[in-house]
Amino acid sequence: MDLLMKKLTNSIIQIIIFSLIPFLWWLITSRKKMNFFEWIGLKKVNNIKENKLFAWIFSVLVLFLIISVFILYSLKNVNVASSEFTGLGIKSLPSILIYAIFNTSLPEEILFRGFLLKRIGNKFGFIVNNGIQSLLFGCIHGIMFFSAIGILKSMLIILFTGIIGWIMGYINEKKANGSILPSWFIHAVANIFSGICYAFQLIE
């Protein structure tokens, strides 16, 4: 219960922190044009069948999970966010779900695919801006591990997560009418997988 409450509290804090700059930006520039949730991409997806969205989501999710296995093996002796679930088994599942869905994936999707991709894109265009947000997304997942696993593995993590970030940005903007729900789902499932691997000690 203590771990669950910790994750709930951390999730609220993370969402507020990651949403603060986007919210202020919206308040100043766009509050009279549309509501904040639509502006950030938390909206219904249309034309799902026409855009073959489920096929895209499934393909990227499989790729993300494969990459996650590589990352988990690279970090198996390193203390990471999911490490606190180590050996806790099924009882940690509620905490893992909160952690994966609200503590990590939602705040990051709001910031990277909801804010950076959409707003900088107004200036530089989709291709450049998607590259910027995916590079930053990759960097926050790799740079912190330079001293623990070395530059080469860290750079591979940056590259792989950056590629995933770019594809998720593409799906959101080109296949889901700007909704961040697809990338949120993909990101959350990958983080659930990571948490379960630690909880049941599947990566040894």
N, C-alpha and C. Protein backbone atom coordinates (compact mmCIF):
# COMPACT_ATOMS: atom_id res chain seq x y z
N MET A 1 0.82 -1.21 0.00
CA MET A 1 0.00 0.00 0.00
C MET A 1 0.86 1.26 0.00
N ASP A 2 1.96 1.22 0.75
CA ASP A 2 2.86 2.38 0.79
C ASP A 2 3.44 2.67 -0.59
N LEU A 3 3.81 1.61 -1.31
CA LEU A 3 4.36 1.78 -2.65
C LEU A 3 3.31 2.33 -3.60
N LEU A 4 2.08 1.84 -3.48
CA LEU A 4 0.99 2.32 -4.34
C LEU A 4 0.72 3.79 -4.10
N MET A 5 0.66 4.20 -2.84
CA MET A 5 0.41 5.61 -2.52
C MET A 5 1.57 6.48 -2.99
N LYS A 6 2.77 5.95 -2.87
CA LYS A 6 3.94 6.68 -3.36
C LYS A 6 3.83 6.92 -4.86
N LYS A 7 3.43 5.89 -5.60
CA LYS A 7 3.31 6.02 -7.05
C LYS A 7 2.17 6.96 -7.44
N LEU A 8 1.08 6.91 -6.71
CA LEU A 8 -0.03 7.83 -6.97
C LEU A 8 0.40 9.28 -6.75
N THR A 9 1.09 9.51 -5.63
CA THR A 9 1.57 10.86 -5.32
C THR A 9 2.58 11.34 -6.35
N ASN A 10 3.53 10.48 -6.67
CA ASN A 10 4.54 10.84 -7.67
C ASN A 10 3.92 11.12 -9.03
N SER A 11 2.88 10.36 -9.37
CA SER A 11 2.22 10.56 -10.66
C SER A 11 1.59 11.94 -10.75
N ILE A 12 0.90 12.33 -9.69
CA ILE A 12 0.27 13.66 -9.67
C ILE A 12 1.32 14.75 -9.81
N ILE A 13 2.41 14.61 -9.07
CA ILE A 13 3.49 15.60 -9.12
C ILE A 13 4.11 15.65 -10.51
N GLN A 14 4.40 14.48 -11.09
CA GLN A 14 5.01 14.42 -12.42
C GLN A 14 4.11 15.05 -13.48
N ILE A 15 2.84 14.73 -13.44
CA ILE A 15 1.90 15.28 -14.43
C ILE A 15 1.84 16.79 -14.32
N ILE A 16 1.80 17.30 -13.10
CA ILE A 16 1.75 18.75 -12.90
C ILE A 16 3.02 19.41 -13.41
N ILE A 17 4.18 18.85 -13.07
CA ILE A 17 5.46 19.44 -13.48
C ILE A 17 5.61 19.43 -15.00
N PHE A 18 5.33 18.29 -15.62
CA PHE A 18 5.51 18.16 -17.07
C PHE A 18 4.46 18.93 -17.86
N SER A 19 3.32 19.24 -17.21
CA SER A 19 2.25 19.96 -17.90
C SER A 19 2.31 21.47 -17.68
N LEU A 20 3.15 21.91 -16.75
CA LEU A 20 3.13 23.32 -16.35
C LEU A 20 3.48 24.25 -17.50
N ILE A 21 4.63 24.02 -18.15
CA ILE A 21 5.03 24.89 -19.27
C ILE A 21 4.04 24.79 -20.42
N PRO A 22 3.63 23.57 -20.85
CA PRO A 22 2.61 23.50 -21.90
C PRO A 22 1.33 24.25 -21.53
N PHE A 23 0.90 24.13 -20.27
CA PHE A 23 -0.34 24.81 -19.86
C PHE A 23 -0.19 26.32 -19.93
N LEU A 24 0.93 26.83 -19.45
CA LEU A 24 1.16 28.28 -19.50
C LEU A 24 1.24 28.77 -20.94
N TRP A 25 1.88 27.97 -21.81
CA TRP A 25 1.98 28.31 -23.23
C TRP A 25 0.58 28.38 -23.85
N TRP A 26 -0.23 27.36 -23.55
CA TRP A 26 -1.61 27.34 -24.04
C TRP A 26 -2.40 28.53 -23.51
N LEU A 27 -2.23 28.83 -22.23
CA LEU A 27 -2.97 29.92 -21.58
C LEU A 27 -2.69 31.25 -22.27
N ILE A 28 -1.44 31.45 -22.66
CA ILE A 28 -1.03 32.71 -23.27
C ILE A 28 -1.41 32.77 -24.75
N THR A 29 -1.28 31.64 -25.46
CA THR A 29 -1.40 31.69 -26.92
C THR A 29 -2.69 31.12 -27.51
N SER A 30 -3.33 30.18 -26.81
CA SER A 30 -4.39 29.44 -27.51
C SER A 30 -5.67 29.19 -26.70
N ARG A 31 -5.79 29.75 -25.52
CA ARG A 31 -6.93 29.39 -24.68
C ARG A 31 -8.27 29.80 -25.29
N LYS A 32 -8.27 30.80 -26.17
CA LYS A 32 -9.52 31.23 -26.80
C LYS A 32 -9.84 30.43 -28.06
N LYS A 33 -8.88 29.62 -28.50
CA LYS A 33 -9.06 28.86 -29.74
C LYS A 33 -9.55 27.44 -29.49
N MET A 34 -9.04 26.78 -28.46
CA MET A 34 -9.44 25.41 -28.15
C MET A 34 -9.10 25.09 -26.70
N ASN A 35 -9.72 24.03 -26.17
CA ASN A 35 -9.42 23.66 -24.79
C ASN A 35 -8.04 23.01 -24.69
N PHE A 36 -7.51 22.97 -23.48
CA PHE A 36 -6.14 22.52 -23.28
C PHE A 36 -5.94 21.07 -23.70
N PHE A 37 -6.90 20.21 -23.40
CA PHE A 37 -6.73 18.78 -23.70
C PHE A 37 -6.65 18.53 -25.20
N GLU A 38 -7.48 19.20 -25.96
CA GLU A 38 -7.41 19.07 -27.42
C GLU A 38 -6.11 19.65 -27.95
N TRP A 39 -5.69 20.77 -27.39
CA TRP A 39 -4.46 21.45 -27.82
C TRP A 39 -3.23 20.58 -27.59
N ILE A 40 -3.23 19.82 -26.49
CA ILE A 40 -2.07 19.00 -26.15
C ILE A 40 -2.14 17.62 -26.81
N GLY A 41 -3.31 17.27 -27.36
CA GLY A 41 -3.44 16.00 -28.05
C GLY A 41 -4.16 14.91 -27.29
N LEU A 42 -4.72 15.24 -26.13
CA LEU A 42 -5.52 14.27 -25.38
C LEU A 42 -6.94 14.32 -25.91
N LYS A 43 -7.14 13.69 -27.06
CA LYS A 43 -8.42 13.76 -27.75
C LYS A 43 -8.68 12.45 -28.49
N LYS A 44 -9.94 12.28 -28.89
CA LYS A 44 -10.37 11.07 -29.59
C LYS A 44 -9.66 10.94 -30.93
N VAL A 45 -9.38 9.69 -31.28
CA VAL A 45 -8.75 9.40 -32.58
C VAL A 45 -9.84 9.07 -33.59
N ASN A 46 -9.76 9.70 -34.77
CA ASN A 46 -10.72 9.44 -35.84
C ASN A 46 -10.06 8.65 -36.97
N ASN A 47 -10.87 8.08 -37.84
CA ASN A 47 -10.39 7.36 -39.03
C ASN A 47 -9.40 6.26 -38.68
N ILE A 48 -9.72 5.49 -37.64
CA ILE A 48 -8.81 4.44 -37.18
C ILE A 48 -8.58 3.38 -38.25
N LYS A 49 -9.65 2.88 -38.85
CA LYS A 49 -9.52 1.83 -39.87
C LYS A 49 -8.84 2.35 -41.12
N GLU A 50 -9.25 3.53 -41.54
CA GLU A 50 -8.70 4.11 -42.77
C GLU A 50 -7.19 4.30 -42.69
N ASN A 51 -6.70 4.68 -41.54
CA ASN A 51 -5.27 4.94 -41.36
C ASN A 51 -4.49 3.72 -40.88
N LYS A 52 -5.18 2.56 -40.75
CA LYS A 52 -4.53 1.33 -40.30
C LYS A 52 -3.78 1.54 -38.98
N LEU A 53 -4.44 2.29 -38.09
CA LEU A 53 -3.79 2.70 -36.85
C LEU A 53 -3.41 1.52 -35.97
N PHE A 54 -4.30 0.54 -35.85
CA PHE A 54 -4.01 -0.60 -34.98
C PHE A 54 -2.79 -1.38 -35.46
N ALA A 55 -2.65 -1.50 -36.77
CA ALA A 55 -1.48 -2.20 -37.32
C ALA A 55 -0.20 -1.44 -36.99
N TRP A 56 -0.25 -0.12 -37.09
CA TRP A 56 0.91 0.71 -36.74
C TRP A 56 1.24 0.56 -35.26
N ILE A 57 0.22 0.65 -34.41
CA ILE A 57 0.45 0.55 -32.97
C ILE A 57 1.04 -0.81 -32.60
N PHE A 58 0.47 -1.88 -33.15
CA PHE A 58 0.96 -3.22 -32.85
C PHE A 58 2.42 -3.39 -33.29
N SER A 59 2.74 -2.92 -34.49
CA SER A 59 4.11 -3.06 -35.01
C SER A 59 5.12 -2.31 -34.16
N VAL A 60 4.77 -1.08 -33.80
CA VAL A 60 5.69 -0.27 -32.99
C VAL A 60 5.80 -0.84 -31.58
N LEU A 61 4.71 -1.35 -31.05
CA LEU A 61 4.74 -1.93 -29.71
C LEU A 61 5.66 -3.14 -29.66
N VAL A 62 5.59 -3.99 -30.67
CA VAL A 62 6.49 -5.15 -30.74
C VAL A 62 7.94 -4.69 -30.79
N LEU A 63 8.21 -3.68 -31.63
CA LEU A 63 9.57 -3.14 -31.74
C LEU A 63 10.03 -2.56 -30.41
N PHE A 64 9.15 -1.83 -29.74
CA PHE A 64 9.47 -1.20 -28.46
C PHE A 64 9.79 -2.27 -27.42
N LEU A 65 9.02 -3.35 -27.39
CA LEU A 65 9.26 -4.40 -26.40
C LEU A 65 10.57 -5.12 -26.66
N ILE A 66 10.90 -5.32 -27.93
CA ILE A 66 12.19 -5.94 -28.26
C ILE A 66 13.34 -5.05 -27.79
N ILE A 67 13.22 -3.76 -28.07
CA ILE A 67 14.24 -2.81 -27.63
C ILE A 67 14.31 -2.76 -26.11
N SER A 68 13.14 -2.88 -25.45
CA SER A 68 13.10 -2.85 -23.99
C SER A 68 13.90 -4.00 -23.39
N VAL A 69 13.85 -5.17 -24.02
CA VAL A 69 14.62 -6.32 -23.53
C VAL A 69 16.11 -6.00 -23.58
N PHE A 70 16.57 -5.41 -24.69
CA PHE A 70 17.98 -5.01 -24.80
C PHE A 70 18.35 -4.02 -23.71
N ILE A 71 17.48 -3.03 -23.50
CA ILE A 71 17.76 -2.00 -22.49
C ILE A 71 17.79 -2.62 -21.09
N LEU A 72 16.83 -3.49 -20.81
CA LEU A 72 16.77 -4.13 -19.49
C LEU A 72 18.01 -4.97 -19.22
N TYR A 73 18.48 -5.69 -20.22
CA TYR A 73 19.71 -6.47 -20.05
C TYR A 73 20.91 -5.56 -19.84
N SER A 74 20.93 -4.44 -20.54
CA SER A 74 22.04 -3.49 -20.40
C SER A 74 22.07 -2.87 -19.01
N LEU A 75 20.89 -2.75 -18.39
CA LEU A 75 20.78 -2.06 -17.10
C LEU A 75 20.51 -3.02 -15.94
N LYS A 76 20.72 -4.32 -16.14
CA LYS A 76 20.31 -5.29 -15.12
C LYS A 76 21.06 -5.15 -13.81
N ASN A 77 22.24 -4.56 -13.82
CA ASN A 77 23.00 -4.35 -12.58
C ASN A 77 23.00 -2.88 -12.15
N VAL A 78 22.09 -2.11 -12.75
CA VAL A 78 22.02 -0.68 -12.47
C VAL A 78 20.69 -0.38 -11.77
N ASN A 79 20.74 0.49 -10.78
CA ASN A 79 19.52 0.88 -10.08
C ASN A 79 18.73 1.87 -10.93
N VAL A 80 17.54 1.47 -11.36
CA VAL A 80 16.69 2.33 -12.19
C VAL A 80 15.33 2.48 -11.51
N ALA A 81 14.44 3.25 -12.12
CA ALA A 81 13.14 3.52 -11.51
C ALA A 81 12.35 2.24 -11.23
N SER A 82 12.41 1.29 -12.15
CA SER A 82 11.65 0.04 -11.99
C SER A 82 12.26 -0.91 -10.97
N SER A 83 13.47 -0.61 -10.52
CA SER A 83 14.17 -1.52 -9.60
C SER A 83 13.42 -1.72 -8.29
N GLU A 84 12.62 -0.74 -7.88
CA GLU A 84 11.91 -0.87 -6.61
C GLU A 84 10.82 -1.93 -6.65
N PHE A 85 10.51 -2.44 -7.85
CA PHE A 85 9.54 -3.53 -7.96
C PHE A 85 10.20 -4.91 -7.89
N THR A 86 11.51 -4.95 -7.82
CA THR A 86 12.26 -6.20 -7.90
C THR A 86 11.80 -7.23 -6.86
N GLY A 87 11.39 -8.40 -7.35
CA GLY A 87 11.02 -9.50 -6.48
C GLY A 87 9.68 -9.38 -5.78
N LEU A 88 8.91 -8.33 -6.05
CA LEU A 88 7.65 -8.13 -5.34
C LEU A 88 6.50 -8.95 -5.91
N GLY A 89 6.66 -9.45 -7.11
CA GLY A 89 5.65 -10.32 -7.71
C GLY A 89 4.33 -9.64 -7.98
N ILE A 90 3.24 -10.44 -7.89
CA ILE A 90 1.91 -9.99 -8.29
C ILE A 90 1.41 -8.83 -7.44
N LYS A 91 1.84 -8.75 -6.19
CA LYS A 91 1.33 -7.70 -5.30
C LYS A 91 1.76 -6.30 -5.74
N SER A 92 2.79 -6.23 -6.59
CA SER A 92 3.26 -4.93 -7.05
C SER A 92 2.54 -4.47 -8.32
N LEU A 93 1.65 -5.31 -8.87
CA LEU A 93 1.01 -4.99 -10.15
C LEU A 93 0.24 -3.66 -10.13
N PRO A 94 -0.59 -3.38 -9.10
CA PRO A 94 -1.27 -2.07 -9.09
C PRO A 94 -0.29 -0.90 -9.12
N SER A 95 0.80 -1.01 -8.38
CA SER A 95 1.80 0.06 -8.37
C SER A 95 2.48 0.18 -9.73
N ILE A 96 2.74 -0.96 -10.37
CA ILE A 96 3.36 -0.94 -11.70
C ILE A 96 2.45 -0.25 -12.71
N LEU A 97 1.15 -0.54 -12.63
CA LEU A 97 0.21 0.07 -13.56
C LEU A 97 0.15 1.58 -13.39
N ILE A 98 0.09 2.03 -12.13
CA ILE A 98 0.09 3.48 -11.88
C ILE A 98 1.39 4.11 -12.36
N TYR A 99 2.50 3.46 -12.04
CA TYR A 99 3.81 3.95 -12.45
C TYR A 99 3.91 4.06 -13.97
N ALA A 100 3.49 2.99 -14.66
CA ALA A 100 3.67 2.93 -16.11
C ALA A 100 2.73 3.86 -16.86
N ILE A 101 1.49 3.95 -16.40
CA ILE A 101 0.48 4.72 -17.14
C ILE A 101 0.51 6.20 -16.80
N PHE A 102 0.66 6.53 -15.51
CA PHE A 102 0.53 7.92 -15.10
C PHE A 102 1.82 8.57 -14.61
N ASN A 103 2.74 7.78 -14.05
CA ASN A 103 3.95 8.34 -13.47
C ASN A 103 5.02 8.64 -14.52
N THR A 104 5.04 7.85 -15.59
CA THR A 104 6.08 8.01 -16.61
C THR A 104 5.53 8.33 -17.99
N SER A 105 4.71 7.45 -18.54
CA SER A 105 4.32 7.61 -19.95
C SER A 105 3.46 8.85 -20.20
N LEU A 106 2.46 9.13 -19.37
CA LEU A 106 1.60 10.29 -19.62
C LEU A 106 2.36 11.61 -19.55
N PRO A 107 3.13 11.86 -18.46
CA PRO A 107 3.88 13.13 -18.43
C PRO A 107 4.84 13.28 -19.61
N GLU A 108 5.53 12.21 -19.97
CA GLU A 108 6.49 12.29 -21.08
C GLU A 108 5.79 12.51 -22.41
N GLU A 109 4.63 11.87 -22.61
CA GLU A 109 3.90 12.08 -23.86
C GLU A 109 3.35 13.49 -23.95
N ILE A 110 2.89 14.03 -22.84
CA ILE A 110 2.42 15.42 -22.83
C ILE A 110 3.55 16.36 -23.23
N LEU A 111 4.73 16.16 -22.67
CA LEU A 111 5.84 17.07 -22.93
C LEU A 111 6.42 16.88 -24.33
N PHE A 112 6.72 15.65 -24.71
CA PHE A 112 7.44 15.42 -25.97
C PHE A 112 6.53 15.40 -27.19
N ARG A 113 5.53 14.52 -27.21
CA ARG A 113 4.66 14.43 -28.38
C ARG A 113 3.49 15.41 -28.32
N GLY A 114 3.09 15.82 -27.11
CA GLY A 114 1.97 16.74 -27.00
C GLY A 114 2.37 18.20 -27.14
N PHE A 115 3.52 18.56 -26.55
CA PHE A 115 3.94 19.96 -26.55
C PHE A 115 5.05 20.25 -27.56
N LEU A 116 6.22 19.64 -27.36
CA LEU A 116 7.37 19.96 -28.22
C LEU A 116 7.09 19.69 -29.69
N LEU A 117 6.56 18.52 -29.99
CA LEU A 117 6.31 18.17 -31.39
C LEU A 117 5.33 19.12 -32.05
N LYS A 118 4.27 19.46 -31.36
CA LYS A 118 3.24 20.29 -31.96
C LYS A 118 3.62 21.76 -32.03
N ARG A 119 4.22 22.29 -30.98
CA ARG A 119 4.47 23.73 -30.94
C ARG A 119 5.70 24.14 -31.74
N ILE A 120 6.82 23.41 -31.59
CA ILE A 120 8.00 23.75 -32.38
C ILE A 120 7.73 23.47 -33.84
N GLY A 121 6.86 22.49 -34.10
CA GLY A 121 6.50 22.14 -35.46
C GLY A 121 5.86 23.29 -36.21
N ASN A 122 5.25 24.20 -35.48
CA ASN A 122 4.65 25.37 -36.12
C ASN A 122 5.71 26.25 -36.76
N LYS A 123 6.94 26.15 -36.29
CA LYS A 123 8.03 26.99 -36.79
C LYS A 123 8.90 26.27 -37.81
N PHE A 124 9.22 25.02 -37.55
CA PHE A 124 10.23 24.33 -38.36
C PHE A 124 9.67 23.20 -39.23
N GLY A 125 8.41 22.82 -39.04
CA GLY A 125 7.85 21.74 -39.82
C GLY A 125 7.95 20.40 -39.11
N PHE A 126 7.16 19.45 -39.56
CA PHE A 126 7.03 18.17 -38.85
C PHE A 126 8.33 17.39 -38.80
N ILE A 127 9.02 17.24 -39.93
CA ILE A 127 10.20 16.37 -39.98
C ILE A 127 11.28 16.85 -39.02
N VAL A 128 11.60 18.14 -39.07
CA VAL A 128 12.63 18.70 -38.20
C VAL A 128 12.22 18.59 -36.75
N ASN A 129 10.99 18.98 -36.46
CA ASN A 129 10.56 18.99 -35.08
C ASN A 129 10.41 17.59 -34.50
N ASN A 130 9.96 16.66 -35.31
CA ASN A 130 9.87 15.28 -34.82
C ASN A 130 11.26 14.75 -34.51
N GLY A 131 12.24 15.17 -35.29
CA GLY A 131 13.62 14.79 -35.01
C GLY A 131 14.11 15.38 -33.71
N ILE A 132 13.75 16.64 -33.44
CA ILE A 132 14.17 17.31 -32.21
C ILE A 132 13.58 16.62 -30.98
N GLN A 133 12.26 16.41 -31.02
CA GLN A 133 11.62 15.80 -29.84
C GLN A 133 12.10 14.37 -29.61
N SER A 134 12.33 13.63 -30.69
CA SER A 134 12.78 12.24 -30.52
C SER A 134 14.22 12.17 -30.02
N LEU A 135 15.06 13.12 -30.46
CA LEU A 135 16.43 13.18 -29.96
C LEU A 135 16.45 13.48 -28.47
N LEU A 136 15.66 14.45 -28.05
CA LEU A 136 15.57 14.80 -26.63
C LEU A 136 15.00 13.63 -25.82
N PHE A 137 14.00 12.96 -26.39
CA PHE A 137 13.39 11.80 -25.74
C PHE A 137 14.43 10.70 -25.54
N GLY A 138 15.23 10.46 -26.57
CA GLY A 138 16.29 9.46 -26.46
C GLY A 138 17.34 9.84 -25.44
N CYS A 139 17.70 11.12 -25.44
CA CYS A 139 18.76 11.58 -24.53
C CYS A 139 18.38 11.42 -23.06
N ILE A 140 17.14 11.73 -22.71
CA ILE A 140 16.77 11.62 -21.29
C ILE A 140 16.75 10.16 -20.83
N HIS A 141 16.67 9.23 -21.78
CA HIS A 141 16.66 7.81 -21.41
C HIS A 141 18.05 7.18 -21.45
N GLY A 142 19.05 7.91 -21.97
CA GLY A 142 20.37 7.31 -22.10
C GLY A 142 21.51 8.02 -21.41
N ILE A 143 21.48 9.35 -21.41
CA ILE A 143 22.61 10.12 -20.87
C ILE A 143 22.88 9.80 -19.40
N MET A 144 21.82 9.58 -18.64
CA MET A 144 21.98 9.34 -17.20
C MET A 144 22.75 8.06 -16.88
N PHE A 145 22.90 7.19 -17.88
CA PHE A 145 23.56 5.90 -17.63
C PHE A 145 25.00 5.84 -18.14
N PHE A 146 25.53 6.97 -18.61
CA PHE A 146 26.90 6.99 -19.15
C PHE A 146 27.90 6.37 -18.18
N SER A 147 27.86 6.80 -16.93
CA SER A 147 28.86 6.35 -15.96
C SER A 147 28.63 4.91 -15.52
N ALA A 148 27.40 4.41 -15.64
CA ALA A 148 27.08 3.07 -15.15
C ALA A 148 27.32 1.98 -16.18
N ILE A 149 27.02 2.25 -17.44
CA ILE A 149 27.13 1.19 -18.46
C ILE A 149 28.05 1.56 -19.62
N GLY A 150 28.63 2.75 -19.57
CA GLY A 150 29.55 3.15 -20.62
C GLY A 150 28.87 3.93 -21.74
N ILE A 151 29.69 4.61 -22.52
CA ILE A 151 29.17 5.49 -23.57
C ILE A 151 28.49 4.70 -24.68
N LEU A 152 29.09 3.57 -25.10
CA LEU A 152 28.55 2.82 -26.24
C LEU A 152 27.13 2.34 -25.99
N LYS A 153 26.90 1.66 -24.87
CA LYS A 153 25.56 1.16 -24.57
C LYS A 153 24.58 2.31 -24.35
N SER A 154 25.07 3.38 -23.72
CA SER A 154 24.21 4.54 -23.50
C SER A 154 23.79 5.17 -24.83
N MET A 155 24.74 5.25 -25.77
CA MET A 155 24.43 5.81 -27.08
C MET A 155 23.44 4.92 -27.83
N LEU A 156 23.56 3.61 -27.67
CA LEU A 156 22.60 2.70 -28.30
C LEU A 156 21.21 2.89 -27.72
N ILE A 157 21.13 3.09 -26.40
CA ILE A 157 19.83 3.35 -25.76
C ILE A 157 19.24 4.64 -26.30
N ILE A 158 20.07 5.68 -26.41
CA ILE A 158 19.61 6.96 -26.97
C ILE A 158 19.10 6.76 -28.39
N LEU A 159 19.86 6.02 -29.20
CA LEU A 159 19.48 5.78 -30.59
C LEU A 159 18.16 5.01 -30.67
N PHE A 160 18.06 3.91 -29.94
CA PHE A 160 16.87 3.06 -30.04
C PHE A 160 15.62 3.78 -29.51
N THR A 161 15.73 4.42 -28.34
CA THR A 161 14.56 5.11 -27.80
C THR A 161 14.22 6.34 -28.64
N GLY A 162 15.23 6.96 -29.22
CA GLY A 162 14.99 8.08 -30.12
C GLY A 162 14.21 7.66 -31.35
N ILE A 163 14.57 6.51 -31.92
CA ILE A 163 13.85 5.98 -33.09
C ILE A 163 12.39 5.70 -32.73
N ILE A 164 12.19 5.07 -31.57
CA ILE A 164 10.83 4.80 -31.11
C ILE A 164 10.06 6.11 -30.93
N GLY A 165 10.72 7.11 -30.33
CA GLY A 165 10.09 8.41 -30.13
C GLY A 165 9.69 9.04 -31.45
N TRP A 166 10.54 8.89 -32.47
CA TRP A 166 10.24 9.46 -33.79
C TRP A 166 9.03 8.77 -34.41
N ILE A 167 9.00 7.43 -34.33
CA ILE A 167 7.89 6.68 -34.92
C ILE A 167 6.58 7.00 -34.19
N MET A 168 6.63 7.12 -32.87
CA MET A 168 5.42 7.45 -32.12
C MET A 168 4.91 8.83 -32.50
N GLY A 169 5.84 9.77 -32.70
CA GLY A 169 5.44 11.09 -33.16
C GLY A 169 4.78 11.04 -34.53
N TYR A 170 5.33 10.20 -35.41
CA TYR A 170 4.76 10.04 -36.75
C TYR A 170 3.35 9.46 -36.67
N ILE A 171 3.17 8.43 -35.85
CA ILE A 171 1.85 7.81 -35.72
C ILE A 171 0.83 8.82 -35.22
N ASN A 172 1.19 9.55 -34.17
CA ASN A 172 0.27 10.53 -33.60
C ASN A 172 -0.18 11.56 -34.63
N GLU A 173 0.79 12.14 -35.33
CA GLU A 173 0.49 13.27 -36.20
C GLU A 173 -0.05 12.85 -37.57
N LYS A 174 0.43 11.74 -38.09
CA LYS A 174 0.06 11.35 -39.45
C LYS A 174 -1.02 10.28 -39.52
N LYS A 175 -1.20 9.54 -38.45
CA LYS A 175 -2.17 8.45 -38.46
C LYS A 175 -3.30 8.62 -37.45
N ALA A 176 -3.13 9.53 -36.49
CA ALA A 176 -4.11 9.67 -35.41
C ALA A 176 -4.61 11.09 -35.24
N ASN A 177 -4.47 11.90 -36.29
CA ASN A 177 -5.00 13.27 -36.28
C ASN A 177 -4.48 14.12 -35.12
N GLY A 178 -3.25 13.88 -34.72
CA GLY A 178 -2.64 14.70 -33.67
C GLY A 178 -2.92 14.23 -32.25
N SER A 179 -3.64 13.14 -32.10
CA SER A 179 -3.90 12.61 -30.75
C SER A 179 -2.64 11.93 -30.21
N ILE A 180 -2.38 12.12 -28.92
CA ILE A 180 -1.23 11.45 -28.30
C ILE A 180 -1.64 10.13 -27.64
N LEU A 181 -2.90 9.74 -27.79
CA LEU A 181 -3.36 8.49 -27.18
C LEU A 181 -2.61 7.26 -27.70
N PRO A 182 -2.32 7.16 -29.01
CA PRO A 182 -1.57 5.98 -29.47
C PRO A 182 -0.19 5.85 -28.82
N SER A 183 0.57 6.95 -28.78
CA SER A 183 1.91 6.87 -28.20
C SER A 183 1.84 6.67 -26.69
N TRP A 184 0.82 7.21 -26.04
CA TRP A 184 0.64 6.99 -24.60
C TRP A 184 0.41 5.50 -24.34
N PHE A 185 -0.43 4.87 -25.16
CA PHE A 185 -0.70 3.44 -25.01
C PHE A 185 0.57 2.62 -25.21
N ILE A 186 1.29 2.89 -26.30
CA ILE A 186 2.53 2.15 -26.61
C ILE A 186 3.54 2.31 -25.48
N HIS A 187 3.73 3.54 -25.05
CA HIS A 187 4.70 3.88 -24.01
C HIS A 187 4.33 3.19 -22.69
N ALA A 188 3.04 3.23 -22.34
CA ALA A 188 2.58 2.65 -21.08
C ALA A 188 2.77 1.13 -21.07
N VAL A 189 2.43 0.47 -22.17
CA VAL A 189 2.58 -0.99 -22.24
C VAL A 189 4.05 -1.39 -22.11
N ALA A 190 4.93 -0.63 -22.76
CA ALA A 190 6.36 -0.92 -22.66
C ALA A 190 6.85 -0.77 -21.22
N ASN A 191 6.35 0.25 -20.51
CA ASN A 191 6.76 0.46 -19.13
C ASN A 191 6.14 -0.59 -18.19
N ILE A 192 4.93 -1.04 -18.50
CA ILE A 192 4.33 -2.14 -17.73
C ILE A 192 5.18 -3.40 -17.89
N PHE A 193 5.60 -3.67 -19.11
CA PHE A 193 6.47 -4.81 -19.39
C PHE A 193 7.76 -4.73 -18.57
N SER A 194 8.35 -3.55 -18.53
CA SER A 194 9.57 -3.34 -17.77
C SER A 194 9.35 -3.60 -16.28
N GLY A 195 8.26 -3.04 -15.74
CA GLY A 195 7.96 -3.24 -14.33
C GLY A 195 7.73 -4.70 -13.98
N ILE A 196 7.02 -5.42 -14.84
CA ILE A 196 6.76 -6.84 -14.62
C ILE A 196 8.05 -7.65 -14.66
N CYS A 197 8.94 -7.29 -15.57
CA CYS A 197 10.23 -7.99 -15.65
C CYS A 197 11.00 -7.88 -14.34
N TYR A 198 10.95 -6.71 -13.71
CA TYR A 198 11.62 -6.54 -12.42
C TYR A 198 10.86 -7.23 -11.30
N ALA A 199 9.53 -7.12 -11.31
CA ALA A 199 8.73 -7.70 -10.23
C ALA A 199 8.89 -9.22 -10.16
N PHE A 200 8.99 -9.85 -11.33
CA PHE A 200 9.11 -11.31 -11.36
C PHE A 200 10.53 -11.76 -11.70
N GLN A 201 11.44 -10.79 -11.69
CA GLN A 201 12.87 -11.06 -11.92
C GLN A 201 13.10 -11.91 -13.17
N LEU A 202 12.52 -11.45 -14.27
CA LEU A 202 12.61 -12.17 -15.54
C LEU A 202 13.91 -11.90 -16.27
N ILE A 203 14.57 -10.80 -15.91
CA ILE A 203 15.85 -10.44 -16.54
C ILE A 203 16.95 -10.71 -15.53
N GLU A 204 17.70 -11.74 -15.74
CA GLU A 204 18.78 -12.12 -14.81
C GLU A 204 20.13 -12.07 -15.53
